[in-house]
């Protein structure tokens, strides 16, 4: 296995990625002594080739709630994207927890919604609709809609129509021919 301890440039990350050295990339990602930038690059490389990723580590890392001013939110976002690429439905509950946590940074919640869409787990439809219906969650509505559109159309159609009827009826009245 490649020597990981002395990585000092992104070219090494690129070399590991080109060789498909998932273990080397995971070692780099796990090492808190490496620069945050290199760890982010390793996570990005893993997101492009997710087979063989240590999913348990990734899940533990993304579950950590950051304190204000913590710059690791970007790394968490990259890892959340990676979770969506792995395609393991066992991760859905973690993604939903991140999405439902109103104390979480909106970027984390936004990315979690997109990851649910990439994952394609229809069991998340109820949670996505609940957030869509919450008038306080305006920052992440577009990612919720994108996630829903990536899921089974037959399963999302009725909940989305109900949402539209209950929330958007006033807007549809404005578009009525009677108003012209």
N, C-alpha and C. Protein backbone atom coordinates (compact mmCIF):
# COMPACT_ATOMS: atom_id res chain seq x y z
N UNK A 1 0.84 -1.18 0.00
CA UNK A 1 0.00 0.00 0.00
C UNK A 1 0.89 1.24 0.00
N UNK A 2 0.41 2.27 -0.64
CA UNK A 2 1.16 3.52 -0.73
C UNK A 2 1.40 4.12 0.64
N UNK A 3 2.51 4.82 0.78
CA UNK A 3 2.78 5.56 2.01
C UNK A 3 1.85 6.77 2.06
N UNK A 4 1.04 6.86 3.10
CA UNK A 4 0.05 7.92 3.20
C UNK A 4 0.51 9.01 4.16
N UNK A 5 1.39 8.69 5.08
CA UNK A 5 1.73 9.59 6.18
C UNK A 5 2.25 10.95 5.73
N UNK A 6 2.92 11.02 4.61
CA UNK A 6 3.56 12.27 4.22
C UNK A 6 2.93 12.91 2.98
N UNK A 7 1.68 12.79 2.83
CA UNK A 7 1.02 13.40 1.69
C UNK A 7 1.07 14.91 1.85
N UNK A 8 1.50 15.57 0.80
CA UNK A 8 1.60 17.02 0.90
C UNK A 8 0.98 17.75 -0.29
N UNK A 9 0.43 17.01 -1.23
CA UNK A 9 -0.13 17.70 -2.39
C UNK A 9 -1.32 16.94 -2.94
N UNK A 10 -2.12 17.68 -3.68
CA UNK A 10 -3.29 17.06 -4.27
C UNK A 10 -2.91 16.10 -5.40
N UNK A 11 -1.67 16.22 -5.92
CA UNK A 11 -1.26 15.27 -6.97
C UNK A 11 -1.21 13.85 -6.41
N UNK A 12 -0.89 13.71 -5.12
CA UNK A 12 -0.88 12.39 -4.51
C UNK A 12 -2.30 11.85 -4.42
N UNK A 13 -3.24 12.69 -4.08
CA UNK A 13 -4.64 12.28 -4.04
C UNK A 13 -5.07 11.85 -5.43
N UNK A 14 -4.70 12.62 -6.43
CA UNK A 14 -5.03 12.29 -7.81
C UNK A 14 -4.40 10.95 -8.22
N UNK A 15 -3.17 10.72 -7.81
CA UNK A 15 -2.51 9.45 -8.11
C UNK A 15 -3.24 8.28 -7.46
N UNK A 16 -3.63 8.45 -6.20
CA UNK A 16 -4.37 7.39 -5.51
C UNK A 16 -5.69 7.12 -6.23
N UNK A 17 -6.35 8.17 -6.65
CA UNK A 17 -7.64 8.02 -7.34
C UNK A 17 -7.46 7.31 -8.68
N UNK A 18 -6.43 7.73 -9.44
CA UNK A 18 -6.19 7.10 -10.76
C UNK A 18 -5.90 5.62 -10.63
N UNK A 19 -5.22 5.23 -9.55
CA UNK A 19 -4.88 3.82 -9.32
C UNK A 19 -6.04 3.05 -8.70
N UNK A 20 -7.12 3.77 -8.38
CA UNK A 20 -8.26 3.11 -7.74
C UNK A 20 -7.94 2.65 -6.33
N UNK A 21 -7.01 3.33 -5.69
CA UNK A 21 -6.57 2.95 -4.35
C UNK A 21 -7.55 3.51 -3.30
N UNK A 22 -8.66 2.81 -3.16
CA UNK A 22 -9.70 3.23 -2.24
C UNK A 22 -9.18 3.22 -0.80
N UNK A 23 -8.42 2.20 -0.45
CA UNK A 23 -7.87 2.12 0.91
C UNK A 23 -6.96 3.31 1.20
N UNK A 24 -6.14 3.70 0.25
CA UNK A 24 -5.26 4.85 0.43
C UNK A 24 -6.05 6.13 0.60
N UNK A 25 -7.10 6.30 -0.20
CA UNK A 25 -7.96 7.48 -0.08
C UNK A 25 -8.69 7.49 1.27
N UNK A 26 -9.16 6.31 1.70
CA UNK A 26 -9.83 6.23 2.99
C UNK A 26 -8.87 6.54 4.13
N UNK A 27 -7.64 6.05 4.03
CA UNK A 27 -6.63 6.33 5.06
C UNK A 27 -6.39 7.83 5.16
N UNK A 28 -6.27 8.47 4.02
CA UNK A 28 -6.07 9.92 3.99
C UNK A 28 -7.28 10.65 4.58
N UNK A 29 -8.46 10.23 4.21
CA UNK A 29 -9.67 10.84 4.71
C UNK A 29 -9.78 10.73 6.24
N UNK A 30 -9.41 9.59 6.78
CA UNK A 30 -9.53 9.33 8.21
C UNK A 30 -8.48 10.04 9.04
N UNK A 31 -7.40 10.48 8.43
CA UNK A 31 -6.27 11.04 9.18
C UNK A 31 -6.51 12.52 9.52
N UNK A 32 -6.82 12.83 10.79
CA UNK A 32 -7.08 14.22 11.16
C UNK A 32 -5.83 15.10 11.09
N UNK A 33 -4.65 14.48 10.93
CA UNK A 33 -3.41 15.27 10.82
C UNK A 33 -3.18 15.80 9.41
N UNK A 34 -3.94 15.29 8.45
CA UNK A 34 -3.83 15.80 7.08
C UNK A 34 -4.60 17.12 6.99
N UNK A 35 -4.26 17.92 6.03
CA UNK A 35 -4.97 19.19 5.87
C UNK A 35 -6.42 18.92 5.48
N UNK A 36 -7.27 19.82 5.87
CA UNK A 36 -8.69 19.69 5.55
C UNK A 36 -8.88 19.66 4.03
N UNK A 37 -8.12 20.46 3.31
CA UNK A 37 -8.22 20.49 1.85
C UNK A 37 -7.91 19.14 1.21
N UNK A 38 -6.87 18.48 1.68
CA UNK A 38 -6.52 17.16 1.12
C UNK A 38 -7.58 16.12 1.50
N UNK A 39 -8.10 16.22 2.70
CA UNK A 39 -9.16 15.29 3.11
C UNK A 39 -10.40 15.50 2.24
N UNK A 40 -10.71 16.76 1.92
CA UNK A 40 -11.85 17.05 1.03
C UNK A 40 -11.61 16.49 -0.35
N UNK A 41 -10.38 16.62 -0.86
CA UNK A 41 -10.06 16.06 -2.18
C UNK A 41 -10.19 14.55 -2.18
N UNK A 42 -9.73 13.90 -1.10
CA UNK A 42 -9.86 12.45 -1.00
C UNK A 42 -11.34 12.05 -0.99
N UNK A 43 -12.15 12.78 -0.24
CA UNK A 43 -13.59 12.50 -0.19
C UNK A 43 -14.22 12.67 -1.58
N UNK A 44 -13.82 13.73 -2.28
CA UNK A 44 -14.34 13.96 -3.63
C UNK A 44 -13.96 12.84 -4.59
N UNK A 45 -12.71 12.36 -4.46
CA UNK A 45 -12.26 11.25 -5.30
C UNK A 45 -13.06 9.98 -4.98
N UNK A 46 -13.33 9.76 -3.70
CA UNK A 46 -14.11 8.58 -3.31
C UNK A 46 -15.55 8.67 -3.82
N UNK A 47 -16.10 9.86 -3.89
CA UNK A 47 -17.47 10.03 -4.38
C UNK A 47 -17.57 9.64 -5.85
N UNK A 48 -16.47 9.72 -6.57
CA UNK A 48 -16.47 9.35 -7.99
C UNK A 48 -16.29 7.85 -8.20
N UNK A 49 -15.79 7.16 -7.17
CA UNK A 49 -15.62 5.70 -7.25
C UNK A 49 -15.94 5.09 -5.88
N UNK A 50 -17.23 5.05 -5.55
CA UNK A 50 -17.63 4.73 -4.17
C UNK A 50 -17.53 3.27 -3.75
N UNK A 51 -17.30 2.36 -4.66
CA UNK A 51 -17.24 0.94 -4.28
C UNK A 51 -16.06 0.72 -3.33
N UNK A 52 -16.31 0.04 -2.24
CA UNK A 52 -15.25 -0.29 -1.30
C UNK A 52 -15.01 0.76 -0.23
N UNK A 53 -15.83 1.79 -0.18
CA UNK A 53 -15.68 2.85 0.81
C UNK A 53 -16.07 2.32 2.19
N UNK A 54 -15.36 2.75 3.22
CA UNK A 54 -15.69 2.40 4.60
C UNK A 54 -16.92 3.23 5.00
N UNK A 55 -18.08 2.70 4.71
CA UNK A 55 -19.32 3.42 4.92
C UNK A 55 -19.58 3.70 6.40
N UNK A 56 -19.16 2.80 7.27
CA UNK A 56 -19.35 3.03 8.70
C UNK A 56 -18.62 4.29 9.16
N UNK A 57 -17.38 4.47 8.70
CA UNK A 57 -16.63 5.67 9.05
C UNK A 57 -17.34 6.91 8.51
N UNK A 58 -17.75 6.85 7.26
CA UNK A 58 -18.40 7.99 6.62
C UNK A 58 -19.67 8.37 7.40
N UNK A 59 -20.46 7.39 7.77
CA UNK A 59 -21.68 7.67 8.53
C UNK A 59 -21.38 8.27 9.89
N UNK A 60 -20.37 7.74 10.59
CA UNK A 60 -20.00 8.32 11.89
C UNK A 60 -19.56 9.77 11.73
N UNK A 61 -18.81 10.03 10.68
CA UNK A 61 -18.30 11.39 10.47
C UNK A 61 -19.41 12.37 10.17
N UNK A 62 -20.34 12.00 9.31
CA UNK A 62 -21.39 12.95 8.93
C UNK A 62 -22.40 13.16 10.05
N UNK A 63 -22.49 12.23 11.00
CA UNK A 63 -23.42 12.38 12.11
C UNK A 63 -22.94 13.42 13.11
N UNK A 64 -21.66 13.74 13.09
CA UNK A 64 -21.14 14.72 14.04
C UNK A 64 -21.75 16.08 13.77
N UNK A 65 -22.34 16.66 14.78
CA UNK A 65 -22.89 18.01 14.64
C UNK A 65 -21.75 18.98 14.87
N UNK A 66 -21.61 19.92 13.98
CA UNK A 66 -20.51 20.87 14.06
C UNK A 66 -20.85 22.03 14.98
N UNK A 67 -19.83 22.53 15.61
CA UNK A 67 -20.00 23.74 16.41
C UNK A 67 -19.88 24.94 15.47
N UNK A 68 -20.51 26.06 15.80
CA UNK A 68 -20.39 27.24 14.94
C UNK A 68 -18.93 27.59 14.67
N UNK A 69 -18.63 27.88 13.43
CA UNK A 69 -17.27 28.22 13.03
C UNK A 69 -16.44 27.03 12.59
N UNK A 70 -16.97 25.82 12.73
CA UNK A 70 -16.23 24.63 12.31
C UNK A 70 -16.23 24.56 10.79
N UNK A 71 -15.07 24.48 10.22
CA UNK A 71 -14.94 24.51 8.77
C UNK A 71 -15.11 23.13 8.12
N UNK A 72 -15.42 22.12 8.90
CA UNK A 72 -15.55 20.78 8.32
C UNK A 72 -16.89 20.54 7.65
N UNK A 73 -17.77 21.55 7.63
CA UNK A 73 -19.07 21.34 7.00
C UNK A 73 -18.90 20.94 5.53
N UNK A 74 -17.90 21.51 4.86
CA UNK A 74 -17.69 21.20 3.43
C UNK A 74 -17.31 19.73 3.26
N UNK A 75 -16.44 19.24 4.13
CA UNK A 75 -16.06 17.83 4.09
C UNK A 75 -17.29 16.97 4.37
N UNK A 76 -18.10 17.36 5.33
CA UNK A 76 -19.32 16.61 5.61
C UNK A 76 -20.23 16.59 4.39
N UNK A 77 -20.38 17.71 3.71
CA UNK A 77 -21.22 17.77 2.51
C UNK A 77 -20.70 16.81 1.44
N UNK A 78 -19.40 16.78 1.24
CA UNK A 78 -18.82 15.87 0.25
C UNK A 78 -19.10 14.42 0.64
N UNK A 79 -18.97 14.12 1.93
CA UNK A 79 -19.22 12.76 2.39
C UNK A 79 -20.70 12.39 2.29
N UNK A 80 -21.57 13.34 2.52
CA UNK A 80 -23.01 13.09 2.36
C UNK A 80 -23.31 12.78 0.89
N UNK A 81 -22.68 13.51 -0.01
CA UNK A 81 -22.82 13.22 -1.44
C UNK A 81 -22.33 11.81 -1.73
N UNK A 82 -21.21 11.43 -1.13
CA UNK A 82 -20.66 10.08 -1.29
C UNK A 82 -21.67 9.04 -0.84
N UNK A 83 -22.36 9.28 0.26
CA UNK A 83 -23.37 8.33 0.75
C UNK A 83 -24.44 8.11 -0.33
N UNK A 84 -24.87 9.17 -0.97
CA UNK A 84 -25.86 9.02 -2.04
C UNK A 84 -25.34 8.20 -3.20
N UNK A 85 -24.03 8.34 -3.48
CA UNK A 85 -23.44 7.59 -4.59
C UNK A 85 -23.26 6.12 -4.26
N UNK A 86 -23.04 5.79 -2.99
CA UNK A 86 -22.82 4.39 -2.60
C UNK A 86 -24.06 3.56 -2.88
N UNK A 87 -25.24 4.16 -2.69
CA UNK A 87 -26.47 3.46 -3.04
C UNK A 87 -26.92 2.42 -2.04
N UNK A 88 -26.53 2.57 -0.78
CA UNK A 88 -26.89 1.61 0.26
C UNK A 88 -28.07 2.19 1.05
N UNK A 89 -29.24 1.54 0.94
CA UNK A 89 -30.45 2.04 1.58
C UNK A 89 -30.34 2.07 3.11
N UNK A 90 -29.36 1.37 3.69
CA UNK A 90 -29.18 1.43 5.15
C UNK A 90 -28.79 2.84 5.60
N UNK A 91 -28.38 3.68 4.67
CA UNK A 91 -27.97 5.04 5.02
C UNK A 91 -29.13 6.03 5.03
N UNK A 92 -30.29 5.60 4.56
CA UNK A 92 -31.43 6.51 4.44
C UNK A 92 -31.79 7.15 5.78
N UNK A 93 -31.82 6.36 6.85
CA UNK A 93 -32.20 6.90 8.17
C UNK A 93 -31.25 8.01 8.61
N UNK A 94 -29.96 7.83 8.37
CA UNK A 94 -28.98 8.86 8.73
C UNK A 94 -29.25 10.13 7.92
N UNK A 95 -29.49 9.97 6.64
CA UNK A 95 -29.76 11.13 5.79
C UNK A 95 -31.04 11.85 6.22
N UNK A 96 -32.06 11.10 6.58
CA UNK A 96 -33.31 11.70 7.03
C UNK A 96 -33.09 12.44 8.36
N UNK A 97 -32.30 11.84 9.27
CA UNK A 97 -32.00 12.52 10.53
C UNK A 97 -31.31 13.85 10.28
N UNK A 98 -30.34 13.85 9.37
CA UNK A 98 -29.64 15.10 9.04
C UNK A 98 -30.62 16.12 8.47
N UNK A 99 -31.47 15.65 7.61
CA UNK A 99 -32.45 16.52 6.96
C UNK A 99 -33.45 17.10 7.95
N UNK A 100 -33.87 16.31 8.91
CA UNK A 100 -34.86 16.75 9.90
C UNK A 100 -34.28 17.61 11.02
N UNK A 101 -32.98 17.62 11.15
CA UNK A 101 -32.35 18.37 12.24
C UNK A 101 -32.31 19.87 11.90
N UNK A 102 -33.22 20.61 12.48
CA UNK A 102 -33.33 22.05 12.19
C UNK A 102 -32.12 22.83 12.72
N UNK A 103 -31.34 22.24 13.62
CA UNK A 103 -30.15 22.90 14.15
C UNK A 103 -28.93 22.70 13.24
N UNK A 104 -29.09 21.83 12.28
CA UNK A 104 -27.99 21.53 11.35
C UNK A 104 -27.85 22.67 10.35
N UNK A 105 -26.64 22.91 9.90
CA UNK A 105 -26.38 23.91 8.87
C UNK A 105 -27.23 23.60 7.64
N UNK A 106 -27.82 24.64 7.04
CA UNK A 106 -28.70 24.39 5.89
C UNK A 106 -27.96 23.70 4.75
N UNK A 107 -26.65 23.91 4.62
CA UNK A 107 -25.89 23.26 3.54
C UNK A 107 -25.84 21.75 3.74
N UNK A 108 -25.76 21.33 4.99
CA UNK A 108 -25.77 19.90 5.30
C UNK A 108 -27.15 19.32 4.97
N UNK A 109 -28.19 20.02 5.37
CA UNK A 109 -29.55 19.56 5.12
C UNK A 109 -29.85 19.53 3.61
N UNK A 110 -29.43 20.54 2.91
CA UNK A 110 -29.61 20.64 1.46
C UNK A 110 -28.93 19.45 0.77
N UNK A 111 -27.69 19.18 1.17
CA UNK A 111 -26.93 18.09 0.57
C UNK A 111 -27.55 16.74 0.92
N UNK A 112 -28.05 16.60 2.14
CA UNK A 112 -28.70 15.35 2.54
C UNK A 112 -29.93 15.07 1.67
N UNK A 113 -30.70 16.11 1.36
CA UNK A 113 -31.87 15.93 0.49
C UNK A 113 -31.44 15.44 -0.89
N UNK A 114 -30.41 16.05 -1.44
CA UNK A 114 -29.92 15.61 -2.75
C UNK A 114 -29.40 14.17 -2.69
N UNK A 115 -28.73 13.82 -1.60
CA UNK A 115 -28.22 12.45 -1.46
C UNK A 115 -29.36 11.44 -1.41
N UNK A 116 -30.45 11.81 -0.76
CA UNK A 116 -31.62 10.92 -0.73
C UNK A 116 -32.15 10.71 -2.15
N UNK A 117 -32.19 11.77 -2.92
CA UNK A 117 -32.61 11.63 -4.32
C UNK A 117 -31.69 10.72 -5.11
N UNK A 118 -30.37 10.88 -4.93
CA UNK A 118 -29.41 10.02 -5.63
C UNK A 118 -29.54 8.57 -5.18
N UNK A 119 -29.78 8.41 -3.89
CA UNK A 119 -29.91 7.08 -3.32
C UNK A 119 -31.13 6.37 -3.91
N UNK A 120 -32.22 7.13 -4.08
CA UNK A 120 -33.41 6.56 -4.72
C UNK A 120 -34.26 5.71 -3.81
N UNK A 121 -34.17 5.93 -2.50
CA UNK A 121 -34.94 5.12 -1.56
C UNK A 121 -36.31 5.76 -1.35
N UNK A 122 -37.33 5.11 -1.88
CA UNK A 122 -38.70 5.62 -1.80
C UNK A 122 -39.23 5.68 -0.37
N UNK A 123 -38.58 5.00 0.58
CA UNK A 123 -39.06 5.05 1.96
C UNK A 123 -38.89 6.46 2.55
N UNK A 124 -38.16 7.33 1.90
CA UNK A 124 -37.94 8.69 2.39
C UNK A 124 -39.04 9.66 1.95
N UNK A 125 -39.97 9.21 1.13
CA UNK A 125 -40.98 10.12 0.57
C UNK A 125 -41.76 10.85 1.68
N UNK A 126 -42.22 10.13 2.68
CA UNK A 126 -42.99 10.75 3.76
C UNK A 126 -42.22 11.86 4.46
N UNK A 127 -40.96 11.61 4.75
CA UNK A 127 -40.12 12.63 5.42
C UNK A 127 -39.91 13.83 4.52
N UNK A 128 -39.68 13.59 3.24
CA UNK A 128 -39.47 14.69 2.31
C UNK A 128 -40.73 15.55 2.19
N UNK A 129 -41.89 14.92 2.10
CA UNK A 129 -43.15 15.67 2.00
C UNK A 129 -43.38 16.47 3.28
N UNK A 130 -43.09 15.89 4.44
CA UNK A 130 -43.27 16.61 5.71
C UNK A 130 -42.44 17.88 5.74
N UNK A 131 -41.22 17.79 5.28
CA UNK A 131 -40.36 18.98 5.26
C UNK A 131 -40.86 19.98 4.22
N UNK A 132 -41.32 19.47 3.10
CA UNK A 132 -41.87 20.34 2.07
C UNK A 132 -43.06 21.13 2.61
N UNK A 133 -43.85 20.50 3.45
CA UNK A 133 -45.04 21.14 4.01
C UNK A 133 -44.72 22.13 5.13
N UNK A 134 -43.53 22.07 5.67
CA UNK A 134 -43.16 22.96 6.77
C UNK A 134 -42.80 24.34 6.23
N UNK A 135 -43.58 25.36 6.55
CA UNK A 135 -43.32 26.69 5.98
C UNK A 135 -42.00 27.32 6.46
N UNK A 136 -41.43 26.78 7.53
CA UNK A 136 -40.16 27.34 8.04
C UNK A 136 -38.95 26.84 7.26
N UNK A 137 -39.09 25.80 6.49
CA UNK A 137 -37.95 25.20 5.78
C UNK A 137 -37.79 25.75 4.37
N UNK A 138 -37.79 27.03 4.22
CA UNK A 138 -37.71 27.62 2.88
C UNK A 138 -36.35 27.43 2.22
N UNK A 139 -35.28 27.35 3.01
CA UNK A 139 -33.92 27.27 2.44
C UNK A 139 -33.66 25.98 1.67
N UNK A 140 -34.36 24.91 2.02
CA UNK A 140 -34.05 23.63 1.41
C UNK A 140 -35.17 23.07 0.54
N UNK A 141 -36.21 23.86 0.29
CA UNK A 141 -37.34 23.36 -0.49
C UNK A 141 -36.94 22.87 -1.89
N UNK A 142 -36.04 23.60 -2.55
CA UNK A 142 -35.66 23.19 -3.90
C UNK A 142 -34.95 21.83 -3.89
N UNK A 143 -34.16 21.57 -2.85
CA UNK A 143 -33.49 20.27 -2.79
C UNK A 143 -34.48 19.16 -2.45
N UNK A 144 -35.51 19.49 -1.68
CA UNK A 144 -36.55 18.51 -1.37
C UNK A 144 -37.30 18.14 -2.65
N UNK A 145 -37.67 19.14 -3.42
CA UNK A 145 -38.37 18.89 -4.69
C UNK A 145 -37.49 18.06 -5.63
N UNK A 146 -36.21 18.40 -5.71
CA UNK A 146 -35.29 17.63 -6.57
C UNK A 146 -35.20 16.18 -6.11
N UNK A 147 -35.14 15.96 -4.80
CA UNK A 147 -35.08 14.60 -4.27
C UNK A 147 -36.36 13.83 -4.61
N UNK A 148 -37.50 14.47 -4.43
CA UNK A 148 -38.77 13.82 -4.74
C UNK A 148 -38.86 13.45 -6.22
N UNK A 149 -38.40 14.35 -7.08
CA UNK A 149 -38.46 14.07 -8.52
C UNK A 149 -37.57 12.91 -8.94
N UNK A 150 -36.58 12.59 -8.12
CA UNK A 150 -35.69 11.48 -8.43
C UNK A 150 -36.27 10.13 -7.97
N UNK A 151 -37.35 10.18 -7.21
CA UNK A 151 -37.94 8.95 -6.68
C UNK A 151 -39.06 8.45 -7.58
N UNK A 152 -39.65 7.33 -7.20
CA UNK A 152 -40.68 6.67 -7.99
C UNK A 152 -41.88 7.58 -8.20
N UNK A 153 -42.14 7.92 -9.45
CA UNK A 153 -43.23 8.85 -9.78
C UNK A 153 -44.58 8.38 -9.28
N UNK A 154 -44.81 7.10 -9.35
CA UNK A 154 -46.11 6.58 -8.92
C UNK A 154 -46.30 6.78 -7.41
N UNK A 155 -45.22 6.75 -6.67
CA UNK A 155 -45.31 6.88 -5.21
C UNK A 155 -45.30 8.34 -4.77
N UNK A 156 -44.74 9.23 -5.56
CA UNK A 156 -44.71 10.64 -5.13
C UNK A 156 -45.89 11.44 -5.67
N UNK A 157 -46.55 10.93 -6.68
CA UNK A 157 -47.60 11.72 -7.35
C UNK A 157 -48.69 12.19 -6.39
N UNK A 158 -49.29 11.29 -5.66
CA UNK A 158 -50.39 11.67 -4.78
C UNK A 158 -49.93 12.61 -3.66
N UNK A 159 -48.83 12.33 -2.94
CA UNK A 159 -48.40 13.28 -1.92
C UNK A 159 -48.05 14.66 -2.47
N UNK A 160 -47.47 14.72 -3.64
CA UNK A 160 -47.12 16.02 -4.23
C UNK A 160 -48.38 16.77 -4.66
N UNK A 161 -49.34 16.07 -5.23
CA UNK A 161 -50.59 16.71 -5.63
C UNK A 161 -51.33 17.24 -4.40
N UNK A 162 -51.36 16.44 -3.32
CA UNK A 162 -52.00 16.91 -2.09
C UNK A 162 -51.30 18.15 -1.56
N UNK A 163 -49.98 18.14 -1.60
CA UNK A 163 -49.22 19.31 -1.15
C UNK A 163 -49.58 20.53 -1.99
N UNK A 164 -49.58 20.34 -3.30
CA UNK A 164 -49.87 21.45 -4.20
C UNK A 164 -51.28 21.99 -3.96
N UNK A 165 -52.24 21.10 -3.77
CA UNK A 165 -53.61 21.54 -3.55
C UNK A 165 -53.74 22.31 -2.24
N UNK A 166 -53.05 21.87 -1.21
CA UNK A 166 -53.20 22.52 0.09
C UNK A 166 -52.39 23.80 0.21
N UNK A 167 -51.24 23.87 -0.42
CA UNK A 167 -50.34 25.01 -0.23
C UNK A 167 -50.37 26.04 -1.35
N UNK A 168 -50.72 25.59 -2.51
CA UNK A 168 -50.58 26.47 -3.66
C UNK A 168 -51.92 26.89 -4.28
N UNK A 169 -53.01 26.57 -3.62
CA UNK A 169 -54.32 26.84 -4.23
C UNK A 169 -54.52 28.33 -4.51
N UNK A 170 -54.01 29.20 -3.63
CA UNK A 170 -54.15 30.64 -3.87
C UNK A 170 -53.39 31.07 -5.11
N UNK A 171 -52.22 30.48 -5.33
CA UNK A 171 -51.44 30.82 -6.52
C UNK A 171 -52.14 30.35 -7.79
N UNK A 172 -52.79 29.19 -7.71
CA UNK A 172 -53.50 28.68 -8.88
C UNK A 172 -54.73 29.52 -9.18
N UNK A 173 -55.34 30.09 -8.15
CA UNK A 173 -56.49 30.96 -8.37
C UNK A 173 -56.09 32.19 -9.18
N UNK A 174 -54.88 32.68 -8.93
CA UNK A 174 -54.39 33.84 -9.66
C UNK A 174 -54.22 33.53 -11.15
N UNK A 175 -53.96 32.28 -11.45
CA UNK A 175 -53.75 31.90 -12.85
C UNK A 175 -55.04 31.50 -13.55
N UNK A 176 -56.13 31.53 -12.85
CA UNK A 176 -57.42 31.14 -13.42
C UNK A 176 -57.81 32.08 -14.55
N UNK A 177 -58.44 31.59 -15.61
CA UNK A 177 -58.91 32.45 -16.71
C UNK A 177 -59.91 33.49 -16.25
N UNK A 178 -60.60 33.19 -15.13
CA UNK A 178 -61.57 34.16 -14.60
C UNK A 178 -60.90 35.45 -14.14
N UNK A 179 -59.62 35.40 -13.91
CA UNK A 179 -58.89 36.59 -13.43
C UNK A 179 -58.33 37.44 -14.55
N UNK A 180 -58.62 37.07 -15.78
CA UNK A 180 -58.07 37.84 -16.92
C UNK A 180 -59.14 38.61 -17.63
